């Protein structure tokens, strides 16, 4: 499975997170892969995908497949700041984009 993206902060990383579950068999698995944001593409290895259970329907979600693919990005380094009343402060942000998918 090849994933492509655009943008991202130089020096930062993208997290590729996949999860799958089959409520009927109570089987589930998750993978987390990382790649430099400036690369723009990543292929999840076949051996990782082969360890994922087939996504079963989730009755609590209207029967949609119980599988997700998420891309997560953040700053390369948190930014330190000072403010009255705290000893130390750091600022960071994150952006998550998730999609409901069916692993087979």
PDB file of N, CA and C in Angstrom:
ATOM      1  N   UNK A   1       0.862  -1.156   0.000  1.00  0.00           N
ATOM      2  CA  UNK A   1       0.000   0.000   0.000  1.00  0.00           C
ATOM      3  C   UNK A   1       0.913   1.224   0.000  1.00  0.00           C
ATOM      4  N   UNK A   2       0.821   2.012  -1.055  1.00  0.00           N
ATOM      5  CA  UNK A   2       1.628   3.217  -1.171  1.00  0.00           C
ATOM      6  C   UNK A   2       0.778   4.432  -0.838  1.00  0.00           C
ATOM      7  N   UNK A   3       1.306   5.280   0.032  1.00  0.00           N
ATOM      8  CA  UNK A   3       0.620   6.483   0.484  1.00  0.00           C
ATOM      9  C   UNK A   3       1.454   7.670   0.039  1.00  0.00           C
ATOM     10  N   UNK A   4       0.811   8.707  -0.488  1.00  0.00           N
ATOM     11  CA  UNK A   4       1.514   9.918  -0.891  1.00  0.00           C
ATOM     12  C   UNK A   4       0.870  11.121  -0.211  1.00  0.00           C
ATOM     13  N   UNK A   5       1.672  12.157   0.017  1.00  0.00           N
ATOM     14  CA  UNK A   5       1.177  13.383   0.621  1.00  0.00           C
ATOM     15  C   UNK A   5       1.996  14.543   0.093  1.00  0.00           C
ATOM     16  N   UNK A   6       1.531  15.738   0.359  1.00  0.00           N
ATOM     17  CA  UNK A   6       2.283  16.939  -0.004  1.00  0.00           C
ATOM     18  C   UNK A   6       2.329  17.854   1.207  1.00  0.00           C
ATOM     19  N   UNK A   7       3.318  18.734   1.210  1.00  0.00           N
ATOM     20  CA  UNK A   7       3.475  19.654   2.328  1.00  0.00           C
ATOM     21  C   UNK A   7       4.261  19.010   3.450  1.00  0.00           C
ATOM     22  N   UNK A   8       4.108  19.551   4.623  1.00  0.00           N
ATOM     23  CA  UNK A   8       4.862  19.064   5.770  1.00  0.00           C
ATOM     24  C   UNK A   8       5.997  20.011   6.083  1.00  0.00           C
ATOM     25  N   UNK A   9       6.353  20.087   7.327  1.00  0.00           N
ATOM     26  CA  UNK A   9       7.401  20.985   7.785  1.00  0.00           C
ATOM     27  C   UNK A   9       8.762  20.332   7.555  1.00  0.00           C
ATOM     28  N   UNK A  10       9.696  21.076   6.950  1.00  0.00           N
ATOM     29  CA  UNK A  10      11.036  20.543   6.715  1.00  0.00           C
ATOM     30  C   UNK A  10      11.643  20.067   8.027  1.00  0.00           C
ATOM     31  N   UNK A  11      12.238  18.899   8.007  1.00  0.00           N
ATOM     32  CA  UNK A  11      12.835  18.328   9.198  1.00  0.00           C
ATOM     33  C   UNK A  11      11.855  17.584  10.080  1.00  0.00           C
ATOM     34  N   UNK A  12      10.580  17.588   9.715  1.00  0.00           N
ATOM     35  CA  UNK A  12       9.580  16.891  10.521  1.00  0.00           C
ATOM     36  C   UNK A  12       9.290  15.516   9.925  1.00  0.00           C
ATOM     37  N   UNK A  13       8.477  14.768  10.611  1.00  0.00           N
ATOM     38  CA  UNK A  13       8.124  13.415  10.185  1.00  0.00           C
ATOM     39  C   UNK A  13       6.619  13.264  10.056  1.00  0.00           C
ATOM     40  N   UNK A  14       6.232  12.339   9.215  1.00  0.00           N
ATOM     41  CA  UNK A  14       4.840  11.921   9.060  1.00  0.00           C
ATOM     42  C   UNK A  14       4.711  10.560   9.724  1.00  0.00           C
ATOM     43  N   UNK A  15       3.684  10.379  10.495  1.00  0.00           N
ATOM     44  CA  UNK A  15       3.364   9.061  11.058  1.00  0.00           C
ATOM     45  C   UNK A  15       2.237   8.485  10.233  1.00  0.00           C
ATOM     46  N   UNK A  16       2.405   7.254   9.780  1.00  0.00           N
ATOM     47  CA  UNK A  16       1.375   6.524   9.051  1.00  0.00           C
ATOM     48  C   UNK A  16       0.878   5.447  10.011  1.00  0.00           C
ATOM     49  N   UNK A  17      -0.388   5.539  10.379  1.00  0.00           N
ATOM     50  CA  UNK A  17      -0.947   4.640  11.381  1.00  0.00           C
ATOM     51  C   UNK A  17      -2.137   3.901  10.769  1.00  0.00           C
ATOM     52  N   UNK A  18      -2.109   2.586  10.844  1.00  0.00           N
ATOM     53  CA  UNK A  18      -3.217   1.779  10.352  1.00  0.00           C
ATOM     54  C   UNK A  18      -3.726   0.883  11.456  1.00  0.00           C
ATOM     55  N   UNK A  19      -5.026   0.693  11.494  1.00  0.00           N
ATOM     56  CA  UNK A  19      -5.607  -0.214  12.479  1.00  0.00           C
ATOM     57  C   UNK A  19      -6.756  -0.972  11.832  1.00  0.00           C
ATOM     58  N   UNK A  20      -6.926  -2.197  12.284  1.00  0.00           N
ATOM     59  CA  UNK A  20      -7.997  -3.038  11.774  1.00  0.00           C
ATOM     60  C   UNK A  20      -8.493  -3.931  12.892  1.00  0.00           C
ATOM     61  N   UNK A  21      -9.789  -4.177  12.903  1.00  0.00           N
ATOM     62  CA  UNK A  21     -10.372  -5.064  13.896  1.00  0.00           C
ATOM     63  C   UNK A  21     -11.558  -5.792  13.285  1.00  0.00           C
ATOM     64  N   UNK A  22     -11.788  -6.976  13.784  1.00  0.00           N
ATOM     65  CA  UNK A  22     -12.964  -7.754  13.413  1.00  0.00           C
ATOM     66  C   UNK A  22     -13.719  -8.061  14.697  1.00  0.00           C
ATOM     67  N   UNK A  23     -14.792  -7.301  14.980  1.00  0.00           N
ATOM     68  CA  UNK A  23     -15.524  -7.506  16.227  1.00  0.00           C
ATOM     69  C   UNK A  23     -16.038  -8.934  16.410  1.00  0.00           C
ATOM     70  N   UNK A  24     -16.336  -9.620  15.332  1.00  0.00           N
ATOM     71  CA  UNK A  24     -16.869 -10.985  15.441  1.00  0.00           C
ATOM     72  C   UNK A  24     -15.840 -11.954  16.009  1.00  0.00           C
ATOM     73  N   UNK A  25     -14.574 -11.806  15.602  1.00  0.00           N
ATOM     74  CA  UNK A  25     -13.532 -12.724  16.074  1.00  0.00           C
ATOM     75  C   UNK A  25     -12.694 -12.125  17.204  1.00  0.00           C
ATOM     76  N   UNK A  26     -12.961 -10.854  17.510  1.00  0.00           N
ATOM     77  CA  UNK A  26     -12.200 -10.127  18.539  1.00  0.00           C
ATOM     78  C   UNK A  26     -10.707 -10.045  18.209  1.00  0.00           C
ATOM     79  N   UNK A  27     -10.372 -10.046  16.916  1.00  0.00           N
ATOM     80  CA  UNK A  27      -8.991  -9.903  16.460  1.00  0.00           C
ATOM     81  C   UNK A  27      -8.764  -8.450  16.054  1.00  0.00           C
ATOM     82  N   UNK A  28      -7.590  -7.944  16.368  1.00  0.00           N
ATOM     83  CA  UNK A  28      -7.259  -6.580  15.990  1.00  0.00           C
ATOM     84  C   UNK A  28      -5.754  -6.401  15.914  1.00  0.00           C
ATOM     85  N   UNK A  29      -5.322  -5.405  15.160  1.00  0.00           N
ATOM     86  CA  UNK A  29      -3.900  -5.103  15.037  1.00  0.00           C
ATOM     87  C   UNK A  29      -3.753  -3.647  14.604  1.00  0.00           C
ATOM     88  N   UNK A  30      -2.545  -3.131  14.836  1.00  0.00           N
ATOM     89  CA  UNK A  30      -2.232  -1.763  14.450  1.00  0.00           C
ATOM     90  C   UNK A  30      -0.772  -1.697  14.013  1.00  0.00           C
ATOM     91  N   UNK A  31      -0.476  -0.811  13.068  1.00  0.00           N
ATOM     92  CA  UNK A  31       0.911  -0.555  12.704  1.00  0.00           C
ATOM     93  C   UNK A  31       1.158   0.942  12.736  1.00  0.00           C
ATOM     94  N   UNK A  32       2.395   1.307  13.015  1.00  0.00           N
ATOM     95  CA  UNK A  32       2.824   2.704  12.988  1.00  0.00           C
ATOM     96  C   UNK A  32       4.147   2.756  12.223  1.00  0.00           C
ATOM     97  N   UNK A  33       4.187   3.553  11.167  1.00  0.00           N
ATOM     98  CA  UNK A  33       5.396   3.748  10.375  1.00  0.00           C
ATOM     99  C   UNK A  33       5.694   5.245  10.348  1.00  0.00           C
ATOM    100  N   UNK A  34       6.955   5.607  10.202  1.00  0.00           N
ATOM    101  CA  UNK A  34       7.327   7.015  10.102  1.00  0.00           C
ATOM    102  C   UNK A  34       8.183   7.243   8.859  1.00  0.00           C
ATOM    103  N   UNK A  35       8.061   8.451   8.328  1.00  0.00           N
ATOM    104  CA  UNK A  35       8.862   8.855   7.174  1.00  0.00           C
ATOM    105  C   UNK A  35       9.081  10.361   7.259  1.00  0.00           C
ATOM    106  N   UNK A  36      10.187  10.832   6.719  1.00  0.00           N
ATOM    107  CA  UNK A  36      10.430  12.274   6.669  1.00  0.00           C
ATOM    108  C   UNK A  36       9.345  12.939   5.820  1.00  0.00           C
ATOM    109  N   UNK A  37       8.854  14.073   6.289  1.00  0.00           N
ATOM    110  CA  UNK A  37       7.746  14.750   5.615  1.00  0.00           C
ATOM    111  C   UNK A  37       8.093  15.163   4.197  1.00  0.00           C
ATOM    112  N   UNK A  38       9.357  15.538   3.951  1.00  0.00           N
ATOM    113  CA  UNK A  38       9.735  16.015   2.625  1.00  0.00           C
ATOM    114  C   UNK A  38       9.830  14.905   1.584  1.00  0.00           C
ATOM    115  N   UNK A  39       9.796  13.640   1.993  1.00  0.00           N
ATOM    116  CA  UNK A  39       9.858  12.519   1.043  1.00  0.00           C
ATOM    117  C   UNK A  39       8.570  12.443   0.226  1.00  0.00           C
ATOM    118  N   UNK A  40       7.420  12.606   0.872  1.00  0.00           N
ATOM    119  CA  UNK A  40       6.145  12.668   0.163  1.00  0.00           C
ATOM    120  C   UNK A  40       5.497  11.347  -0.192  1.00  0.00           C
ATOM    121  N   UNK A  41       6.148  10.222   0.097  1.00  0.00           N
ATOM    122  CA  UNK A  41       5.556   8.924  -0.214  1.00  0.00           C
ATOM    123  C   UNK A  41       6.118   7.859   0.718  1.00  0.00           C
ATOM    124  N   UNK A  42       5.318   6.847   0.977  1.00  0.00           N
ATOM    125  CA  UNK A  42       5.757   5.721   1.799  1.00  0.00           C
ATOM    126  C   UNK A  42       4.954   4.497   1.385  1.00  0.00           C
ATOM    127  N   UNK A  43       5.637   3.368   1.295  1.00  0.00           N
ATOM    128  CA  UNK A  43       4.957   2.108   0.997  1.00  0.00           C
ATOM    129  C   UNK A  43       4.975   1.237   2.243  1.00  0.00           C
ATOM    130  N   UNK A  44       3.786   0.916   2.742  1.00  0.00           N
ATOM    131  CA  UNK A  44       3.675   0.002   3.881  1.00  0.00           C
ATOM    132  C   UNK A  44       4.029  -1.384   3.352  1.00  0.00           C
ATOM    133  N   UNK A  45       5.003  -2.047   3.951  1.00  0.00           N
ATOM    134  CA  UNK A  45       5.430  -3.349   3.435  1.00  0.00           C
ATOM    135  C   UNK A  45       4.308  -4.392   3.467  1.00  0.00           C
ATOM    136  N   UNK A  46       4.356  -5.287   2.502  1.00  0.00           N
ATOM    137  CA  UNK A  46       3.340  -6.344   2.402  1.00  0.00           C
ATOM    138  C   UNK A  46       3.315  -7.213   3.651  1.00  0.00           C
ATOM    139  N   UNK A  47       4.486  -7.457   4.259  1.00  0.00           N
ATOM    140  CA  UNK A  47       4.502  -8.316   5.446  1.00  0.00           C
ATOM    141  C   UNK A  47       3.793  -7.661   6.626  1.00  0.00           C
ATOM    142  N   UNK A  48       3.763  -6.325   6.657  1.00  0.00           N
ATOM    143  CA  UNK A  48       3.007  -5.636   7.706  1.00  0.00           C
ATOM    144  C   UNK A  48       1.512  -5.788   7.440  1.00  0.00           C
ATOM    145  N   UNK A  49       1.104  -5.534   6.204  1.00  0.00           N
ATOM    146  CA  UNK A  49      -0.311  -5.645   5.866  1.00  0.00           C
ATOM    147  C   UNK A  49      -0.841  -7.067   6.030  1.00  0.00           C
ATOM    148  N   UNK A  50       0.018  -8.064   5.789  1.00  0.00           N
ATOM    149  CA  UNK A  50      -0.439  -9.453   5.920  1.00  0.00           C
ATOM    150  C   UNK A  50      -0.726  -9.824   7.371  1.00  0.00           C
ATOM    151  N   UNK A  51      -0.217  -9.041   8.313  1.00  0.00           N
ATOM    152  CA  UNK A  51      -0.483  -9.300   9.733  1.00  0.00           C
ATOM    153  C   UNK A  51      -1.774  -8.645  10.217  1.00  0.00           C
ATOM    154  N   UNK A  52      -2.396  -7.849   9.358  1.00  0.00           N
ATOM    155  CA  UNK A  52      -3.636  -7.167   9.743  1.00  0.00           C
ATOM    156  C   UNK A  52      -4.829  -8.091   9.533  1.00  0.00           C
ATOM    157  N   UNK A  53      -5.719  -8.205  10.533  1.00  0.00           N
ATOM    158  CA  UNK A  53      -6.928  -9.011  10.319  1.00  0.00           C
ATOM    159  C   UNK A  53      -7.863  -8.295   9.350  1.00  0.00           C
ATOM    160  N   UNK A  54      -8.675  -9.063   8.661  1.00  0.00           N
ATOM    161  CA  UNK A  54      -9.677  -8.460   7.782  1.00  0.00           C
ATOM    162  C   UNK A  54     -10.612  -7.603   8.633  1.00  0.00           C
ATOM    163  N   UNK A  55     -10.920  -6.400   8.154  1.00  0.00           N
ATOM    164  CA  UNK A  55     -11.792  -5.495   8.896  1.00  0.00           C
ATOM    165  C   UNK A  55     -13.220  -5.997   8.853  1.00  0.00           C
ATOM    166  N   UNK A  56     -13.753  -6.296  10.003  1.00  0.00           N
ATOM    167  CA  UNK A  56     -15.143  -6.733  10.086  1.00  0.00           C
ATOM    168  C   UNK A  56     -16.075  -5.550  10.243  1.00  0.00           C
ATOM    169  N   UNK A  57     -17.353  -5.765  10.020  1.00  0.00           N
ATOM    170  CA  UNK A  57     -18.314  -4.660  10.175  1.00  0.00           C
ATOM    171  C   UNK A  57     -18.514  -4.323  11.646  1.00  0.00           C
ATOM    172  N   UNK A  58     -18.617  -3.042  11.926  1.00  0.00           N
ATOM    173  CA  UNK A  58     -18.852  -2.553  13.287  1.00  0.00           C
ATOM    174  C   UNK A  58     -20.311  -2.140  13.385  1.00  0.00           C
ATOM    175  N   UNK A  59     -21.119  -2.923  14.076  1.00  0.00           N
ATOM    176  CA  UNK A  59     -22.554  -2.637  14.168  1.00  0.00           C
ATOM    177  C   UNK A  59     -22.829  -1.317  14.869  1.00  0.00           C
ATOM    178  N   UNK A  60     -21.943  -0.884  15.762  1.00  0.00           N
ATOM    179  CA  UNK A  60     -22.159   0.389  16.449  1.00  0.00           C
ATOM    180  C   UNK A  60     -21.897   1.583  15.539  1.00  0.00           C
ATOM    181  N   UNK A  61     -21.266   1.352  14.391  1.00  0.00           N
ATOM    182  CA  UNK A  61     -20.971   2.432  13.441  1.00  0.00           C
ATOM    183  C   UNK A  61     -21.760   2.251  12.150  1.00  0.00           C
ATOM    184  N   UNK A  62     -22.896   1.627  12.241  1.00  0.00           N
ATOM    185  CA  UNK A  62     -23.745   1.460  11.064  1.00  0.00           C
ATOM    186  C   UNK A  62     -23.254   0.419  10.089  1.00  0.00           C
ATOM    187  N   UNK A  63     -22.404  -0.501  10.547  1.00  0.00           N
ATOM    188  CA  UNK A  63     -21.930  -1.582   9.695  1.00  0.00           C
ATOM    189  C   UNK A  63     -20.722  -1.245   8.852  1.00  0.00           C
ATOM    190  N   UNK A  64     -20.104  -0.056   9.053  1.00  0.00           N
ATOM    191  CA  UNK A  64     -18.907   0.273   8.295  1.00  0.00           C
ATOM    192  C   UNK A  64     -17.746  -0.597   8.758  1.00  0.00           C
ATOM    193  N   UNK A  65     -16.764  -0.732   7.911  1.00  0.00           N
ATOM    194  CA  UNK A  65     -15.592  -1.545   8.236  1.00  0.00           C
ATOM    195  C   UNK A  65     -14.854  -0.940   9.420  1.00  0.00           C
ATOM    196  N   UNK A  66     -14.397  -1.793  10.311  1.00  0.00           N
ATOM    197  CA  UNK A  66     -13.685  -1.345  11.502  1.00  0.00           C
ATOM    198  C   UNK A  66     -12.185  -1.295  11.214  1.00  0.00           C
ATOM    199  N   UNK A  67     -11.797  -0.414  10.290  1.00  0.00           N
ATOM    200  CA  UNK A  67     -10.403  -0.222   9.937  1.00  0.00           C
ATOM    201  C   UNK A  67     -10.150   1.242   9.629  1.00  0.00           C
ATOM    202  N   UNK A  68      -8.943   1.716   9.956  1.00  0.00           N
ATOM    203  CA  UNK A  68      -8.616   3.121   9.743  1.00  0.00           C
ATOM    204  C   UNK A  68      -7.194   3.265   9.222  1.00  0.00           C
ATOM    205  N   UNK A  69      -6.977   4.328   8.468  1.00  0.00           N
ATOM    206  CA  UNK A  69      -5.652   4.747   8.040  1.00  0.00           C
ATOM    207  C   UNK A  69      -5.539   6.220   8.400  1.00  0.00           C
ATOM    208  N   UNK A  70      -4.486   6.573   9.133  1.00  0.00           N
ATOM    209  CA  UNK A  70      -4.320   7.933   9.634  1.00  0.00           C
ATOM    210  C   UNK A  70      -2.929   8.447   9.289  1.00  0.00           C
ATOM    211  N   UNK A  71      -2.860   9.697   8.845  1.00  0.00           N
ATOM    212  CA  UNK A  71      -1.585  10.392   8.670  1.00  0.00           C
ATOM    213  C   UNK A  71      -1.512  11.479   9.731  1.00  0.00           C
ATOM    214  N   UNK A  72      -0.371  11.593  10.378  1.00  0.00           N
ATOM    215  CA  UNK A  72      -0.191  12.544  11.464  1.00  0.00           C
ATOM    216  C   UNK A  72       1.104  13.312  11.228  1.00  0.00           C
ATOM    217  N   UNK A  73       1.043  14.629  11.325  1.00  0.00           N
ATOM    218  CA  UNK A  73       2.261  15.430  11.207  1.00  0.00           C
ATOM    219  C   UNK A  73       2.324  16.414  12.360  1.00  0.00           C
ATOM    220  N   UNK A  74       3.527  16.846  12.669  1.00  0.00           N
ATOM    221  CA  UNK A  74       3.752  17.780  13.767  1.00  0.00           C
ATOM    222  C   UNK A  74       5.011  18.582  13.473  1.00  0.00           C
ATOM    223  N   UNK A  75       5.304  19.571  14.296  1.00  0.00           N
ATOM    224  CA  UNK A  75       6.542  20.329  14.144  1.00  0.00           C
ATOM    225  C   UNK A  75       7.742  19.421  14.367  1.00  0.00           C
ATOM    226  N   UNK A  76       8.848  19.735  13.719  1.00  0.00           N
ATOM    227  CA  UNK A  76      10.067  18.945  13.905  1.00  0.00           C
ATOM    228  C   UNK A  76      10.570  19.053  15.344  1.00  0.00           C
ATOM    229  N   UNK A  77      10.516  20.228  15.910  1.00  0.00           N
ATOM    230  CA  UNK A  77      10.927  20.473  17.289  1.00  0.00           C
ATOM    231  C   UNK A  77       9.904  21.402  17.931  1.00  0.00           C
ATOM    232  N   UNK A  78       9.459  21.096  19.148  1.00  0.00           N
ATOM    233  CA  UNK A  78       8.571  22.039  19.841  1.00  0.00           C
ATOM    234  C   UNK A  78       9.276  23.384  20.039  1.00  0.00           C
ATOM    235  N   UNK A  79       8.512  24.437  20.096  1.00  0.00           N
ATOM    236  CA  UNK A  79       9.040  25.781  20.283  1.00  0.00           C
ATOM    237  C   UNK A  79       8.920  26.146  21.764  1.00  0.00           C
ATOM    238  N   UNK A  80      10.025  26.544  22.346  1.00  0.00           N
ATOM    239  CA  UNK A  80      10.024  26.909  23.760  1.00  0.00           C
ATOM    240  C   UNK A  80       9.522  28.344  23.908  1.00  0.00           C
ATOM    241  N   UNK A  81       8.739  28.605  24.961  1.00  0.00           N
ATOM    242  CA  UNK A  81       8.273  29.953  25.242  1.00  0.00           C
ATOM    243  C   UNK A  81       8.258  30.190  26.746  1.00  0.00           C
ATOM    244  N   UNK A  82       8.188  31.456  27.126  1.00  0.00           N
ATOM    245  CA  UNK A  82       8.107  31.837  28.532  1.00  0.00           C
ATOM    246  C   UNK A  82       6.788  32.551  28.770  1.00  0.00           C
ATOM    247  N   UNK A  83       6.224  32.318  29.930  1.00  0.00           N
ATOM    248  CA  UNK A  83       5.001  33.004  30.323  1.00  0.00           C
ATOM    249  C   UNK A  83       4.983  33.106  31.842  1.00  0.00           C
ATOM    250  N   UNK A  84       4.353  34.133  32.334  1.00  0.00           N
ATOM    251  CA  UNK A  84       4.260  34.344  33.777  1.00  0.00           C
ATOM    252  C   UNK A  84       3.516  33.176  34.426  1.00  0.00           C
ATOM    253  N   UNK A  85       4.097  32.680  35.515  1.00  0.00           N
ATOM    254  CA  UNK A  85       3.429  31.636  36.290  1.00  0.00           C
ATOM    255  C   UNK A  85       3.805  30.214  35.923  1.00  0.00           C
ATOM    256  N   UNK A  86       4.663  30.017  34.920  1.00  0.00           N
ATOM    257  CA  UNK A  86       5.097  28.656  34.585  1.00  0.00           C
ATOM    258  C   UNK A  86       6.623  28.592  34.617  1.00  0.00           C
ATOM    259  N   UNK A  87       7.138  27.405  34.889  1.00  0.00           N
ATOM    260  CA  UNK A  87       8.590  27.221  34.910  1.00  0.00           C
ATOM    261  C   UNK A  87       9.153  27.091  33.501  1.00  0.00           C
ATOM    262  N   UNK A  88       8.487  26.325  32.676  1.00  0.00           N
ATOM    263  CA  UNK A  88       8.941  26.118  31.305  1.00  0.00           C
ATOM    264  C   UNK A  88       7.720  25.827  30.436  1.00  0.00           C
ATOM    265  N   UNK A  89       7.761  26.294  29.203  1.00  0.00           N
ATOM    266  CA  UNK A  89       6.647  26.050  28.296  1.00  0.00           C
ATOM    267  C   UNK A  89       7.144  25.659  26.917  1.00  0.00           C
ATOM    268  N   UNK A  90       6.433  24.746  26.280  1.00  0.00           N
ATOM    269  CA  UNK A  90       6.728  24.334  24.917  1.00  0.00           C
ATOM    270  C   UNK A  90       5.438  24.363  24.115  1.00  0.00           C
ATOM    271  N   UNK A  91       5.541  24.789  22.874  1.00  0.00           N
ATOM    272  CA  UNK A  91       4.388  24.803  21.975  1.00  0.00           C
ATOM    273  C   UNK A  91       4.646  23.819  20.846  1.00  0.00           C
ATOM    274  N   UNK A  92       3.627  23.070  20.499  1.00  0.00           N
ATOM    275  CA  UNK A  92       3.669  22.185  19.337  1.00  0.00           C
ATOM    276  C   UNK A  92       2.259  22.083  18.797  1.00  0.00           C
ATOM    277  N   UNK A  93       2.097  21.630  17.610  1.00  0.00           N
ATOM    278  CA  UNK A  93       0.784  21.376  17.037  1.00  0.00           C
ATOM    279  C   UNK A  93       0.846  20.048  16.324  1.00  0.00           C
ATOM    280  N   UNK A  94      -0.306  19.509  16.055  1.00  0.00           N
ATOM    281  CA  UNK A  94      -0.346  18.289  15.247  1.00  0.00           C
ATOM    282  C   UNK A  94      -1.560  18.337  14.343  1.00  0.00           C
ATOM    283  N   UNK A  95      -1.433  17.684  13.240  1.00  0.00           N
ATOM    284  CA  UNK A  95      -2.511  17.592  12.262  1.00  0.00           C
ATOM    285  C   UNK A  95      -2.741  16.118  11.976  1.00  0.00           C
ATOM    286  N   UNK A  96      -3.944  15.672  12.167  1.00  0.00           N
ATOM    287  CA  UNK A  96      -4.311  14.279  11.913  1.00  0.00           C
ATOM    288  C   UNK A  96      -5.336  14.244  10.788  1.00  0.00           C
ATOM    289  N   UNK A  97      -5.162  13.309   9.887  1.00  0.00           N
ATOM    290  CA  UNK A  97      -6.171  13.074   8.864  1.00  0.00           C
ATOM    291  C   UNK A  97      -6.427  11.568   8.847  1.00  0.00           C
ATOM    292  N   UNK A  98      -7.669  11.179   9.075  1.00  0.00           N
ATOM    293  CA  UNK A  98      -8.017   9.756   9.173  1.00  0.00           C
ATOM    294  C   UNK A  98      -9.080   9.398   8.135  1.00  0.00           C
ATOM    295  N   UNK A  99      -9.019   8.165   7.695  1.00  0.00           N
ATOM    296  CA  UNK A  99      -9.991   7.658   6.744  1.00  0.00           C
ATOM    297  C   UNK A  99     -10.394   6.251   7.159  1.00  0.00           C
ATOM    298  N   UNK A 100     -11.679   5.966   7.075  1.00  0.00           N
ATOM    299  CA  UNK A 100     -12.195   4.637   7.339  1.00  0.00           C
ATOM    300  C   UNK A 100     -11.859   3.761   6.130  1.00  0.00           C
ATOM    301  N   UNK A 101     -11.134   2.672   6.351  1.00  0.00           N
ATOM    302  CA  UNK A 101     -10.732   1.767   5.258  1.00  0.00           C
ATOM    303  C   UNK A 101     -11.062   0.328   5.626  1.00  0.00           C
ATOM    304  N   UNK A 102     -11.058  -0.522   4.646  1.00  0.00           N
ATOM    305  CA  UNK A 102     -11.293  -1.943   4.878  1.00  0.00           C
ATOM    306  C   UNK A 102     -10.035  -2.721   4.510  1.00  0.00           C
ATOM    307  N   UNK A 103      -9.459  -3.388   5.512  1.00  0.00           N
ATOM    308  CA  UNK A 103      -8.306  -4.260   5.259  1.00  0.00           C
ATOM    309  C   UNK A 103      -8.866  -5.631   4.914  1.00  0.00           C
ATOM    310  N   UNK A 104      -8.273  -6.269   3.895  1.00  0.00           N
ATOM    311  CA  UNK A 104      -8.755  -7.578   3.443  1.00  0.00           C
ATOM    312  C   UNK A 104      -7.683  -8.634   3.565  1.00  0.00           C
TER     313      UNK A 104
END
